[in-house]
Amino acid sequence: MDMKHSSPKSELSKKRMIQAAGATFREHGVGGVGVDGLARAANFTSGAFYFHFKSKMDAFIASVEDSMDDLKVSIQRFQTRERASWVHAFASFYLGFKRTCGLRDACAVPVLSSEVERAGEDARTAYEAKIQEVFATLSSGLTDVPDCSSREQALALMALLAGGAMISRTVVDPALSEEIGAAVQKAAEQLVAPGQVSPQATTTEQQS
């Protein structure tokens, strides 16, 4: 094992480069940036880039994996902090800030999935492994019901949120974008099992 690749400084540098590459790929796409551009985005030289990655595709795969890990951690934070109302809170965040922020800060699922599809089997295999972890995290905060398991809810919830975010980010009319976001949030909350309710619903139940 080459120890220089496992030193804390080296790992920190690699993490910086992965995060910068992820933001750059989300903004420009895989075909819109080269190795020199990826290195500059992280304030590194091209030589430093090749110290950590074999190719641009190697960096793309690492950045997609990192972005999916960030999504998983974000879901876990909402589940811990918001408890029964975590779906409402997470959907509000995903269809609010994540719908309107710049591409550099957007979620990788709606922004980079089509790039992954075109990138080949290695990228798709890595993506699949990571999105399975996202599905499992979503499922852990949901409840089975007779007609729909927690996993089925998780699959549909991620597809609904990501698809809604992708379409609403693409349209030009801000009012239409807002309309799409609101409709998708409503559908997402109706999708999940009883118990995953919004704060408004909780308050209504307590008053009745």
N, C-alpha and C. Protein backbone atom coordinates (compact mmCIF):
# COMPACT_ATOMS: atom_id res chain seq x y z
N MET A 1 0.84 -1.20 0.00
CA MET A 1 0.00 0.00 0.00
C MET A 1 0.88 1.25 0.00
N ASP A 2 0.54 2.19 -0.87
CA ASP A 2 1.29 3.44 -0.96
C ASP A 2 0.82 4.39 0.14
N MET A 3 1.65 4.65 1.14
CA MET A 3 1.24 5.41 2.32
C MET A 3 0.93 6.85 1.99
N LYS A 4 1.52 7.41 0.93
CA LYS A 4 1.25 8.82 0.64
C LYS A 4 -0.21 9.04 0.26
N HIS A 5 -0.85 7.99 -0.25
CA HIS A 5 -2.25 8.12 -0.62
C HIS A 5 -3.17 8.03 0.59
N SER A 6 -2.69 7.56 1.72
CA SER A 6 -3.55 7.40 2.89
C SER A 6 -3.24 8.39 3.99
N SER A 7 -2.33 9.33 3.75
CA SER A 7 -2.04 10.33 4.77
C SER A 7 -3.21 11.28 4.94
N PRO A 8 -3.41 11.84 6.13
CA PRO A 8 -4.53 12.77 6.34
C PRO A 8 -4.53 13.94 5.38
N LYS A 9 -3.35 14.49 5.08
CA LYS A 9 -3.27 15.63 4.16
C LYS A 9 -3.70 15.21 2.76
N SER A 10 -3.25 14.03 2.33
CA SER A 10 -3.61 13.55 1.02
C SER A 10 -5.10 13.29 0.91
N GLU A 11 -5.67 12.70 1.95
CA GLU A 11 -7.10 12.41 1.94
C GLU A 11 -7.92 13.70 1.94
N LEU A 12 -7.47 14.71 2.67
CA LEU A 12 -8.16 15.99 2.70
C LEU A 12 -8.10 16.65 1.32
N SER A 13 -6.93 16.58 0.67
CA SER A 13 -6.79 17.14 -0.67
C SER A 13 -7.71 16.43 -1.65
N LYS A 14 -7.77 15.12 -1.55
CA LYS A 14 -8.63 14.35 -2.45
C LYS A 14 -10.09 14.70 -2.22
N LYS A 15 -10.49 14.84 -0.98
CA LYS A 15 -11.87 15.22 -0.66
C LYS A 15 -12.21 16.58 -1.26
N ARG A 16 -11.30 17.52 -1.13
CA ARG A 16 -11.50 18.85 -1.73
C ARG A 16 -11.69 18.75 -3.23
N MET A 17 -10.88 17.93 -3.86
CA MET A 17 -10.96 17.80 -5.30
C MET A 17 -12.26 17.12 -5.72
N ILE A 18 -12.68 16.12 -4.97
CA ILE A 18 -13.94 15.42 -5.27
C ILE A 18 -15.12 16.38 -5.17
N GLN A 19 -15.14 17.19 -4.11
CA GLN A 19 -16.25 18.12 -3.92
C GLN A 19 -16.26 19.20 -5.00
N ALA A 20 -15.09 19.71 -5.34
CA ALA A 20 -15.01 20.71 -6.40
C ALA A 20 -15.40 20.10 -7.75
N ALA A 21 -14.97 18.86 -7.99
CA ALA A 21 -15.33 18.19 -9.23
C ALA A 21 -16.83 17.97 -9.31
N GLY A 22 -17.44 17.58 -8.19
CA GLY A 22 -18.88 17.36 -8.18
C GLY A 22 -19.64 18.62 -8.54
N ALA A 23 -19.25 19.74 -7.94
CA ALA A 23 -19.91 21.01 -8.24
C ALA A 23 -19.71 21.40 -9.71
N THR A 24 -18.53 21.15 -10.23
CA THR A 24 -18.23 21.49 -11.62
C THR A 24 -18.99 20.60 -12.59
N PHE A 25 -19.07 19.31 -12.30
CA PHE A 25 -19.82 18.40 -13.16
C PHE A 25 -21.31 18.75 -13.15
N ARG A 26 -21.84 19.12 -11.96
CA ARG A 26 -23.25 19.49 -11.90
C ARG A 26 -23.53 20.74 -12.73
N GLU A 27 -22.57 21.66 -12.75
CA GLU A 27 -22.77 22.91 -13.46
C GLU A 27 -22.55 22.77 -14.97
N HIS A 28 -21.55 21.99 -15.37
CA HIS A 28 -21.16 21.96 -16.78
C HIS A 28 -21.39 20.61 -17.47
N GLY A 29 -21.67 19.56 -16.69
CA GLY A 29 -21.78 18.24 -17.29
C GLY A 29 -20.41 17.62 -17.51
N VAL A 30 -20.39 16.32 -17.75
CA VAL A 30 -19.13 15.62 -17.93
C VAL A 30 -18.39 16.12 -19.17
N GLY A 31 -19.14 16.36 -20.24
CA GLY A 31 -18.51 16.79 -21.47
C GLY A 31 -18.13 18.26 -21.49
N GLY A 32 -18.56 19.02 -20.50
CA GLY A 32 -18.33 20.45 -20.51
C GLY A 32 -17.09 20.90 -19.76
N VAL A 33 -16.32 19.97 -19.25
CA VAL A 33 -15.12 20.33 -18.49
C VAL A 33 -14.07 19.25 -18.67
N GLY A 34 -12.80 19.66 -18.72
CA GLY A 34 -11.70 18.71 -18.82
C GLY A 34 -10.92 18.61 -17.53
N VAL A 35 -9.87 17.85 -17.56
CA VAL A 35 -9.04 17.66 -16.35
C VAL A 35 -8.47 18.98 -15.86
N ASP A 36 -8.00 19.82 -16.78
CA ASP A 36 -7.43 21.11 -16.36
C ASP A 36 -8.47 21.95 -15.63
N GLY A 37 -9.70 21.95 -16.15
CA GLY A 37 -10.76 22.71 -15.51
C GLY A 37 -11.12 22.15 -14.15
N LEU A 38 -11.14 20.85 -14.00
CA LEU A 38 -11.44 20.22 -12.71
C LEU A 38 -10.35 20.56 -11.69
N ALA A 39 -9.11 20.51 -12.13
CA ALA A 39 -7.99 20.84 -11.23
C ALA A 39 -8.07 22.30 -10.80
N ARG A 40 -8.34 23.20 -11.74
CA ARG A 40 -8.44 24.63 -11.39
C ARG A 40 -9.58 24.90 -10.42
N ALA A 41 -10.68 24.17 -10.57
CA ALA A 41 -11.83 24.37 -9.69
C ALA A 41 -11.48 24.08 -8.24
N ALA A 42 -10.52 23.21 -8.02
CA ALA A 42 -10.09 22.87 -6.66
C ALA A 42 -8.78 23.56 -6.28
N ASN A 43 -8.32 24.47 -7.16
CA ASN A 43 -7.04 25.16 -6.93
C ASN A 43 -5.87 24.19 -6.86
N PHE A 44 -5.89 23.20 -7.75
CA PHE A 44 -4.81 22.24 -7.86
C PHE A 44 -4.24 22.28 -9.28
N THR A 45 -3.10 21.66 -9.47
CA THR A 45 -2.52 21.49 -10.80
C THR A 45 -3.08 20.20 -11.41
N SER A 46 -2.90 20.07 -12.70
CA SER A 46 -3.32 18.83 -13.36
C SER A 46 -2.52 17.64 -12.84
N GLY A 47 -1.26 17.89 -12.49
CA GLY A 47 -0.45 16.82 -11.92
C GLY A 47 -1.02 16.33 -10.61
N ALA A 48 -1.50 17.26 -9.79
CA ALA A 48 -2.12 16.88 -8.52
C ALA A 48 -3.40 16.08 -8.77
N PHE A 49 -4.12 16.46 -9.81
CA PHE A 49 -5.32 15.70 -10.16
C PHE A 49 -4.96 14.24 -10.43
N TYR A 50 -3.96 14.02 -11.26
CA TYR A 50 -3.60 12.65 -11.62
C TYR A 50 -2.93 11.90 -10.46
N PHE A 51 -2.52 12.62 -9.45
CA PHE A 51 -2.02 11.95 -8.24
C PHE A 51 -3.16 11.18 -7.57
N HIS A 52 -4.38 11.72 -7.66
CA HIS A 52 -5.53 11.13 -6.97
C HIS A 52 -6.43 10.31 -7.89
N PHE A 53 -6.49 10.66 -9.18
CA PHE A 53 -7.44 10.02 -10.08
C PHE A 53 -6.76 9.55 -11.36
N LYS A 54 -7.21 8.43 -11.88
CA LYS A 54 -6.64 7.89 -13.11
C LYS A 54 -7.13 8.65 -14.34
N SER A 55 -8.34 9.22 -14.24
CA SER A 55 -8.94 9.86 -15.41
C SER A 55 -10.07 10.78 -14.96
N LYS A 56 -10.59 11.54 -15.90
CA LYS A 56 -11.76 12.37 -15.61
C LYS A 56 -12.94 11.51 -15.19
N MET A 57 -13.12 10.36 -15.83
CA MET A 57 -14.23 9.48 -15.47
C MET A 57 -14.09 8.95 -14.05
N ASP A 58 -12.87 8.67 -13.65
CA ASP A 58 -12.60 8.23 -12.28
C ASP A 58 -13.06 9.31 -11.28
N ALA A 59 -12.75 10.55 -11.58
CA ALA A 59 -13.17 11.66 -10.73
C ALA A 59 -14.68 11.84 -10.76
N PHE A 60 -15.29 11.66 -11.93
CA PHE A 60 -16.75 11.77 -12.02
C PHE A 60 -17.43 10.75 -11.14
N ILE A 61 -16.99 9.51 -11.22
CA ILE A 61 -17.59 8.46 -10.39
C ILE A 61 -17.43 8.77 -8.91
N ALA A 62 -16.24 9.20 -8.51
CA ALA A 62 -16.00 9.55 -7.11
C ALA A 62 -16.90 10.70 -6.67
N SER A 63 -17.11 11.67 -7.55
CA SER A 63 -17.93 12.83 -7.19
C SER A 63 -19.41 12.44 -7.08
N VAL A 64 -19.86 11.54 -7.93
CA VAL A 64 -21.24 11.07 -7.83
C VAL A 64 -21.44 10.30 -6.53
N GLU A 65 -20.51 9.44 -6.19
CA GLU A 65 -20.60 8.69 -4.93
C GLU A 65 -20.62 9.64 -3.74
N ASP A 66 -19.78 10.66 -3.78
CA ASP A 66 -19.72 11.63 -2.69
C ASP A 66 -21.03 12.39 -2.57
N SER A 67 -21.59 12.80 -3.70
CA SER A 67 -22.86 13.53 -3.69
C SER A 67 -24.00 12.68 -3.14
N MET A 68 -24.00 11.40 -3.49
CA MET A 68 -25.04 10.50 -2.98
C MET A 68 -24.88 10.27 -1.48
N ASP A 69 -23.63 10.21 -1.02
CA ASP A 69 -23.40 10.10 0.42
C ASP A 69 -23.94 11.34 1.14
N ASP A 70 -23.74 12.51 0.55
CA ASP A 70 -24.27 13.74 1.14
C ASP A 70 -25.79 13.70 1.22
N LEU A 71 -26.43 13.19 0.18
CA LEU A 71 -27.89 13.06 0.19
C LEU A 71 -28.35 12.14 1.30
N LYS A 72 -27.67 11.02 1.45
CA LYS A 72 -28.03 10.07 2.50
C LYS A 72 -27.91 10.70 3.88
N VAL A 73 -26.83 11.43 4.12
CA VAL A 73 -26.62 12.09 5.42
C VAL A 73 -27.69 13.15 5.65
N SER A 74 -28.06 13.88 4.60
CA SER A 74 -29.10 14.90 4.72
C SER A 74 -30.42 14.27 5.14
N ILE A 75 -30.78 13.17 4.53
CA ILE A 75 -32.03 12.47 4.89
C ILE A 75 -31.98 12.04 6.35
N GLN A 76 -30.86 11.48 6.77
CA GLN A 76 -30.72 11.02 8.16
C GLN A 76 -30.88 12.18 9.14
N ARG A 77 -30.35 13.34 8.80
CA ARG A 77 -30.48 14.50 9.67
C ARG A 77 -31.94 14.92 9.81
N PHE A 78 -32.66 14.93 8.69
CA PHE A 78 -34.08 15.28 8.76
C PHE A 78 -34.86 14.26 9.58
N GLN A 79 -34.53 12.98 9.43
CA GLN A 79 -35.23 11.94 10.19
C GLN A 79 -34.99 12.08 11.68
N THR A 80 -33.75 12.42 12.05
CA THR A 80 -33.40 12.56 13.47
C THR A 80 -34.02 13.81 14.06
N ARG A 81 -33.94 14.91 13.33
CA ARG A 81 -34.38 16.20 13.86
C ARG A 81 -35.90 16.36 13.82
N GLU A 82 -36.53 15.92 12.75
CA GLU A 82 -37.95 16.20 12.55
C GLU A 82 -38.86 15.06 12.97
N ARG A 83 -38.31 13.89 13.18
CA ARG A 83 -39.06 12.71 13.62
C ARG A 83 -40.27 12.45 12.72
N ALA A 84 -41.49 12.45 13.27
CA ALA A 84 -42.67 12.04 12.50
C ALA A 84 -42.93 12.93 11.29
N SER A 85 -42.46 14.17 11.33
CA SER A 85 -42.74 15.09 10.22
C SER A 85 -41.55 15.24 9.27
N TRP A 86 -40.63 14.25 9.27
CA TRP A 86 -39.41 14.40 8.49
C TRP A 86 -39.68 14.42 6.98
N VAL A 87 -40.69 13.69 6.51
CA VAL A 87 -40.97 13.70 5.07
C VAL A 87 -41.41 15.09 4.64
N HIS A 88 -42.28 15.70 5.41
CA HIS A 88 -42.72 17.06 5.10
C HIS A 88 -41.52 18.02 5.07
N ALA A 89 -40.67 17.93 6.08
CA ALA A 89 -39.53 18.84 6.17
C ALA A 89 -38.52 18.59 5.05
N PHE A 90 -38.23 17.32 4.78
CA PHE A 90 -37.26 17.01 3.74
C PHE A 90 -37.79 17.40 2.36
N ALA A 91 -39.06 17.10 2.09
CA ALA A 91 -39.64 17.47 0.80
C ALA A 91 -39.65 18.98 0.63
N SER A 92 -39.93 19.72 1.71
CA SER A 92 -39.92 21.18 1.64
C SER A 92 -38.54 21.70 1.28
N PHE A 93 -37.51 21.10 1.87
CA PHE A 93 -36.13 21.48 1.57
C PHE A 93 -35.76 21.11 0.14
N TYR A 94 -36.12 19.89 -0.26
CA TYR A 94 -35.73 19.38 -1.58
C TYR A 94 -36.43 20.15 -2.70
N LEU A 95 -37.68 20.51 -2.46
CA LEU A 95 -38.46 21.22 -3.48
C LEU A 95 -38.46 22.72 -3.26
N GLY A 96 -37.70 23.15 -2.25
CA GLY A 96 -37.52 24.57 -2.00
C GLY A 96 -36.11 24.98 -2.38
N PHE A 97 -35.19 24.92 -1.42
CA PHE A 97 -33.81 25.33 -1.69
C PHE A 97 -33.17 24.53 -2.82
N LYS A 98 -33.33 23.20 -2.77
CA LYS A 98 -32.67 22.37 -3.77
C LYS A 98 -33.29 22.51 -5.16
N ARG A 99 -34.47 23.07 -5.23
CA ARG A 99 -35.10 23.33 -6.53
C ARG A 99 -34.65 24.66 -7.11
N THR A 100 -34.31 25.60 -6.24
CA THR A 100 -34.02 26.96 -6.70
C THR A 100 -32.54 27.34 -6.63
N CYS A 101 -31.71 26.54 -5.98
CA CYS A 101 -30.30 26.87 -5.85
C CYS A 101 -29.59 26.72 -7.20
N GLY A 102 -28.36 27.23 -7.28
CA GLY A 102 -27.57 27.04 -8.48
C GLY A 102 -27.22 25.58 -8.70
N LEU A 103 -26.87 25.23 -9.92
CA LEU A 103 -26.57 23.84 -10.24
C LEU A 103 -25.43 23.28 -9.40
N ARG A 104 -24.49 24.11 -9.02
CA ARG A 104 -23.35 23.64 -8.24
C ARG A 104 -23.79 23.06 -6.90
N ASP A 105 -24.90 23.55 -6.36
CA ASP A 105 -25.40 23.09 -5.06
C ASP A 105 -26.57 22.13 -5.18
N ALA A 106 -26.97 21.81 -6.39
CA ALA A 106 -28.16 20.98 -6.61
C ALA A 106 -27.88 19.52 -6.25
N CYS A 107 -28.96 18.76 -6.10
CA CYS A 107 -28.83 17.33 -5.82
C CYS A 107 -28.35 16.60 -7.06
N ALA A 108 -27.47 15.63 -6.88
CA ALA A 108 -26.92 14.88 -8.00
C ALA A 108 -27.95 14.01 -8.70
N VAL A 109 -29.00 13.58 -7.99
CA VAL A 109 -29.94 12.64 -8.61
C VAL A 109 -30.67 13.27 -9.80
N PRO A 110 -31.33 14.42 -9.64
CA PRO A 110 -31.97 15.01 -10.82
C PRO A 110 -30.99 15.62 -11.83
N VAL A 111 -29.83 16.07 -11.37
CA VAL A 111 -28.92 16.80 -12.24
C VAL A 111 -27.96 15.87 -12.99
N LEU A 112 -27.51 14.79 -12.36
CA LEU A 112 -26.45 13.97 -12.95
C LEU A 112 -26.86 12.57 -13.38
N SER A 113 -28.10 12.16 -13.10
CA SER A 113 -28.50 10.79 -13.45
C SER A 113 -28.35 10.51 -14.94
N SER A 114 -28.75 11.45 -15.79
CA SER A 114 -28.62 11.23 -17.23
C SER A 114 -27.15 11.17 -17.65
N GLU A 115 -26.29 11.94 -16.95
CA GLU A 115 -24.85 11.88 -17.23
C GLU A 115 -24.30 10.50 -16.87
N VAL A 116 -24.76 9.97 -15.76
CA VAL A 116 -24.32 8.64 -15.34
C VAL A 116 -24.74 7.59 -16.36
N GLU A 117 -25.96 7.71 -16.85
CA GLU A 117 -26.46 6.74 -17.83
C GLU A 117 -25.57 6.68 -19.06
N ARG A 118 -25.07 7.84 -19.48
CA ARG A 118 -24.23 7.90 -20.67
C ARG A 118 -22.77 7.55 -20.37
N ALA A 119 -22.40 7.51 -19.10
CA ALA A 119 -20.99 7.37 -18.73
C ALA A 119 -20.48 5.94 -18.77
N GLY A 120 -21.37 4.98 -18.84
CA GLY A 120 -20.92 3.60 -18.96
C GLY A 120 -21.18 2.76 -17.72
N GLU A 121 -20.84 1.48 -17.82
CA GLU A 121 -21.22 0.51 -16.80
C GLU A 121 -20.58 0.80 -15.44
N ASP A 122 -19.31 1.20 -15.41
CA ASP A 122 -18.66 1.46 -14.12
C ASP A 122 -19.39 2.57 -13.36
N ALA A 123 -19.73 3.64 -14.06
CA ALA A 123 -20.45 4.75 -13.41
C ALA A 123 -21.83 4.30 -12.97
N ARG A 124 -22.51 3.54 -13.79
CA ARG A 124 -23.86 3.10 -13.44
C ARG A 124 -23.84 2.13 -12.27
N THR A 125 -22.83 1.28 -12.21
CA THR A 125 -22.71 0.33 -11.10
C THR A 125 -22.48 1.08 -9.78
N ALA A 126 -21.59 2.07 -9.81
CA ALA A 126 -21.31 2.87 -8.61
C ALA A 126 -22.55 3.65 -8.19
N TYR A 127 -23.24 4.23 -9.15
CA TYR A 127 -24.47 4.98 -8.88
C TYR A 127 -25.52 4.07 -8.25
N GLU A 128 -25.70 2.88 -8.81
CA GLU A 128 -26.70 1.95 -8.29
C GLU A 128 -26.42 1.57 -6.84
N ALA A 129 -25.17 1.30 -6.53
CA ALA A 129 -24.82 0.94 -5.16
C ALA A 129 -25.16 2.07 -4.19
N LYS A 130 -24.88 3.30 -4.60
CA LYS A 130 -25.12 4.44 -3.71
C LYS A 130 -26.61 4.77 -3.60
N ILE A 131 -27.35 4.67 -4.69
CA ILE A 131 -28.77 5.01 -4.59
C ILE A 131 -29.52 3.92 -3.83
N GLN A 132 -28.99 2.70 -3.84
CA GLN A 132 -29.58 1.66 -2.97
C GLN A 132 -29.43 2.05 -1.50
N GLU A 133 -28.31 2.66 -1.15
CA GLU A 133 -28.12 3.14 0.22
C GLU A 133 -29.10 4.26 0.54
N VAL A 134 -29.35 5.14 -0.43
CA VAL A 134 -30.34 6.21 -0.25
C VAL A 134 -31.72 5.62 -0.05
N PHE A 135 -32.09 4.63 -0.86
CA PHE A 135 -33.39 3.98 -0.71
C PHE A 135 -33.53 3.35 0.68
N ALA A 136 -32.47 2.70 1.14
CA ALA A 136 -32.52 2.05 2.45
C ALA A 136 -32.67 3.09 3.57
N THR A 137 -32.01 4.23 3.43
CA THR A 137 -32.13 5.29 4.42
C THR A 137 -33.54 5.85 4.44
N LEU A 138 -34.10 6.12 3.28
CA LEU A 138 -35.48 6.59 3.21
C LEU A 138 -36.43 5.57 3.82
N SER A 139 -36.24 4.31 3.46
CA SER A 139 -37.12 3.24 3.95
C SER A 139 -37.09 3.12 5.46
N SER A 140 -35.92 3.36 6.05
CA SER A 140 -35.79 3.21 7.51
C SER A 140 -36.65 4.20 8.28
N GLY A 141 -37.06 5.29 7.63
CA GLY A 141 -37.90 6.29 8.29
C GLY A 141 -39.35 6.17 7.93
N LEU A 142 -39.72 5.13 7.20
CA LEU A 142 -41.10 4.94 6.76
C LEU A 142 -41.68 3.67 7.38
N THR A 143 -42.99 3.50 7.22
CA THR A 143 -43.70 2.40 7.85
C THR A 143 -44.43 1.56 6.81
N ASP A 144 -44.31 0.24 6.91
CA ASP A 144 -45.06 -0.64 6.02
C ASP A 144 -46.56 -0.46 6.23
N VAL A 145 -47.31 -0.51 5.15
CA VAL A 145 -48.77 -0.58 5.23
C VAL A 145 -49.20 -1.75 4.35
N PRO A 146 -50.44 -2.24 4.49
CA PRO A 146 -50.84 -3.44 3.74
C PRO A 146 -50.62 -3.33 2.23
N ASP A 147 -50.85 -2.17 1.65
CA ASP A 147 -50.76 -2.05 0.20
C ASP A 147 -49.42 -1.53 -0.31
N CYS A 148 -48.51 -1.17 0.61
CA CYS A 148 -47.25 -0.57 0.16
C CYS A 148 -46.19 -0.71 1.23
N SER A 149 -45.10 -1.39 0.91
CA SER A 149 -44.02 -1.56 1.88
C SER A 149 -43.23 -0.26 2.01
N SER A 150 -42.44 -0.18 3.07
CA SER A 150 -41.62 1.01 3.27
C SER A 150 -40.61 1.17 2.13
N ARG A 151 -40.11 0.07 1.58
CA ARG A 151 -39.17 0.16 0.45
C ARG A 151 -39.88 0.71 -0.80
N GLU A 152 -41.08 0.21 -1.06
CA GLU A 152 -41.82 0.73 -2.21
C GLU A 152 -42.08 2.23 -2.06
N GLN A 153 -42.43 2.65 -0.86
CA GLN A 153 -42.62 4.07 -0.61
C GLN A 153 -41.33 4.85 -0.85
N ALA A 154 -40.20 4.29 -0.39
CA ALA A 154 -38.91 4.96 -0.54
C ALA A 154 -38.54 5.12 -2.02
N LEU A 155 -38.73 4.06 -2.81
CA LEU A 155 -38.43 4.14 -4.23
C LEU A 155 -39.27 5.21 -4.91
N ALA A 156 -40.57 5.19 -4.61
CA ALA A 156 -41.48 6.15 -5.24
C ALA A 156 -41.20 7.57 -4.77
N LEU A 157 -40.87 7.73 -3.48
CA LEU A 157 -40.62 9.06 -2.93
C LEU A 157 -39.39 9.70 -3.58
N MET A 158 -38.31 8.93 -3.73
CA MET A 158 -37.11 9.48 -4.34
C MET A 158 -37.35 9.82 -5.81
N ALA A 159 -38.05 8.93 -6.51
CA ALA A 159 -38.34 9.19 -7.92
C ALA A 159 -39.23 10.41 -8.09
N LEU A 160 -40.20 10.55 -7.21
CA LEU A 160 -41.12 11.69 -7.27
C LEU A 160 -40.39 13.00 -7.00
N LEU A 161 -39.60 13.04 -5.94
CA LEU A 161 -38.88 14.26 -5.58
C LEU A 161 -37.86 14.63 -6.65
N ALA A 162 -37.08 13.66 -7.09
CA ALA A 162 -36.03 13.95 -8.08
C ALA A 162 -36.64 14.36 -9.42
N GLY A 163 -37.68 13.66 -9.85
CA GLY A 163 -38.32 14.01 -11.10
C GLY A 163 -38.97 15.39 -11.03
N GLY A 164 -39.61 15.68 -9.91
CA GLY A 164 -40.21 17.00 -9.74
C GLY A 164 -39.18 18.10 -9.73
N ALA A 165 -38.07 17.85 -9.04
CA ALA A 165 -37.00 18.86 -8.99
C ALA A 165 -36.40 19.08 -10.37
N MET A 166 -36.20 17.99 -11.13
CA MET A 166 -35.60 18.11 -12.45
C MET A 166 -36.49 18.95 -13.38
N ILE A 167 -37.78 18.63 -13.42
CA ILE A 167 -38.69 19.35 -14.32
C ILE A 167 -38.85 20.80 -13.88
N SER A 168 -39.01 21.02 -12.58
CA SER A 168 -39.24 22.39 -12.11
C SER A 168 -38.00 23.26 -12.27
N ARG A 169 -36.81 22.66 -12.26
CA ARG A 169 -35.58 23.42 -12.49
C ARG A 169 -35.41 23.76 -13.97
N THR A 170 -36.04 22.97 -14.84
CA THR A 170 -35.82 23.12 -16.27
C THR A 170 -36.73 24.18 -16.90
N VAL A 171 -37.94 24.32 -16.37
CA VAL A 171 -38.87 25.28 -16.98
C VAL A 171 -38.39 26.71 -16.73
N VAL A 172 -38.83 27.63 -17.58
CA VAL A 172 -38.41 29.03 -17.50
C VAL A 172 -39.30 29.83 -16.57
N ASP A 173 -40.59 29.58 -16.61
CA ASP A 173 -41.56 30.37 -15.84
C ASP A 173 -41.45 30.07 -14.35
N PRO A 174 -41.07 31.05 -13.51
CA PRO A 174 -40.95 30.80 -12.07
C PRO A 174 -42.26 30.34 -11.44
N ALA A 175 -43.38 30.87 -11.92
CA ALA A 175 -44.67 30.47 -11.37
C ALA A 175 -44.96 29.00 -11.64
N LEU A 176 -44.62 28.54 -12.84
CA LEU A 176 -44.81 27.12 -13.17
C LEU A 176 -43.89 26.25 -12.33
N SER A 177 -42.65 26.70 -12.14
CA SER A 177 -41.71 25.96 -11.30
C SER A 177 -42.25 25.81 -9.88
N GLU A 178 -42.79 26.89 -9.34
CA GLU A 178 -43.40 26.85 -8.00
C GLU A 178 -44.59 25.90 -7.98
N GLU A 179 -45.40 25.96 -9.03
CA GLU A 179 -46.58 25.10 -9.09
C GLU A 179 -46.19 23.62 -9.11
N ILE A 180 -45.17 23.31 -9.89
CA ILE A 180 -44.69 21.92 -9.94
C ILE A 180 -44.17 21.49 -8.57
N GLY A 181 -43.35 22.35 -7.94
CA GLY A 181 -42.81 22.02 -6.63
C GLY A 181 -43.90 21.77 -5.60
N ALA A 182 -44.92 22.62 -5.58
CA ALA A 182 -46.01 22.48 -4.62
C ALA A 182 -46.81 21.20 -4.88
N ALA A 183 -47.07 20.90 -6.15
CA ALA A 183 -47.83 19.70 -6.48
C ALA A 183 -47.06 18.43 -6.10
N VAL A 184 -45.76 18.43 -6.37
CA VAL A 184 -44.94 17.26 -6.04
C VAL A 184 -44.85 17.09 -4.53
N GLN A 185 -44.70 18.19 -3.79
CA GLN A 185 -44.66 18.07 -2.33
C GLN A 185 -45.96 17.47 -1.80
N LYS A 186 -47.08 17.94 -2.31
CA LYS A 186 -48.37 17.41 -1.88
C LYS A 186 -48.47 15.91 -2.17
N ALA A 187 -48.05 15.52 -3.36
CA ALA A 187 -48.09 14.10 -3.73
C ALA A 187 -47.15 13.27 -2.87
N ALA A 188 -45.98 13.82 -2.55
CA ALA A 188 -45.01 13.09 -1.72
C ALA A 188 -45.58 12.83 -0.33
N GLU A 189 -46.24 13.82 0.24
CA GLU A 189 -46.81 13.64 1.58
C GLU A 189 -48.00 12.69 1.56
N GLN A 190 -48.74 12.65 0.46
CA GLN A 190 -49.86 11.72 0.35
C GLN A 190 -49.39 10.30 0.11
N LEU A 191 -48.18 10.18 -0.43
CA LEU A 191 -47.64 8.86 -0.77
C LEU A 191 -47.28 8.03 0.46
N VAL A 192 -46.68 8.66 1.47
CA VAL A 192 -46.09 7.90 2.55
C VAL A 192 -47.15 7.40 3.53
N ALA A 193 -46.74 6.42 4.34
CA ALA A 193 -47.67 5.76 5.25
C ALA A 193 -48.17 6.69 6.34
N PRO A 194 -49.31 6.38 6.94
CA PRO A 194 -49.80 7.17 8.07
C PRO A 194 -48.74 7.25 9.17
N GLY A 195 -48.65 8.39 9.80
CA GLY A 195 -47.62 8.62 10.83
C GLY A 195 -46.56 9.56 10.35
N GLN A 196 -46.36 9.62 9.02
CA GLN A 196 -45.41 10.56 8.45
C GLN A 196 -46.20 11.80 8.01
N VAL A 197 -46.50 12.65 8.96
CA VAL A 197 -47.42 13.76 8.70
C VAL A 197 -46.72 15.09 8.80
N SER A 198 -47.34 16.11 8.26
CA SER A 198 -46.79 17.46 8.33
C SER A 198 -47.08 18.07 9.69
N PRO A 199 -46.33 19.10 10.10
CA PRO A 199 -46.59 19.76 11.37
C PRO A 199 -48.02 20.27 11.46
N GLN A 200 -48.60 20.76 10.34
CA GLN A 200 -49.95 21.26 10.35
C GLN A 200 -50.93 20.16 10.68
N ALA A 201 -50.69 18.97 10.09
CA ALA A 201 -51.58 17.85 10.36
C ALA A 201 -51.49 17.41 11.81
N THR A 202 -50.26 17.40 12.36
CA THR A 202 -50.07 17.03 13.75
C THR A 202 -50.84 17.96 14.67
N THR A 203 -50.76 19.27 14.40
CA THR A 203 -51.44 20.24 15.23
C THR A 203 -52.96 20.05 15.16
N THR A 204 -53.47 19.77 13.98
CA THR A 204 -54.91 19.56 13.81
C THR A 204 -55.37 18.36 14.61
N GLU A 205 -54.59 17.28 14.56
CA GLU A 205 -54.94 16.07 15.29
C GLU A 205 -54.95 16.32 16.79
N GLN A 206 -53.98 17.10 17.27
CA GLN A 206 -53.89 17.35 18.70
C GLN A 206 -55.05 18.19 19.20
N GLN A 207 -55.60 19.06 18.30
CA GLN A 207 -56.68 19.94 18.70
C GLN A 207 -58.03 19.25 18.62
N SER A 208 -58.11 18.14 17.89
CA SER A 208 -59.40 17.46 17.71
C SER A 208 -59.71 16.55 18.89
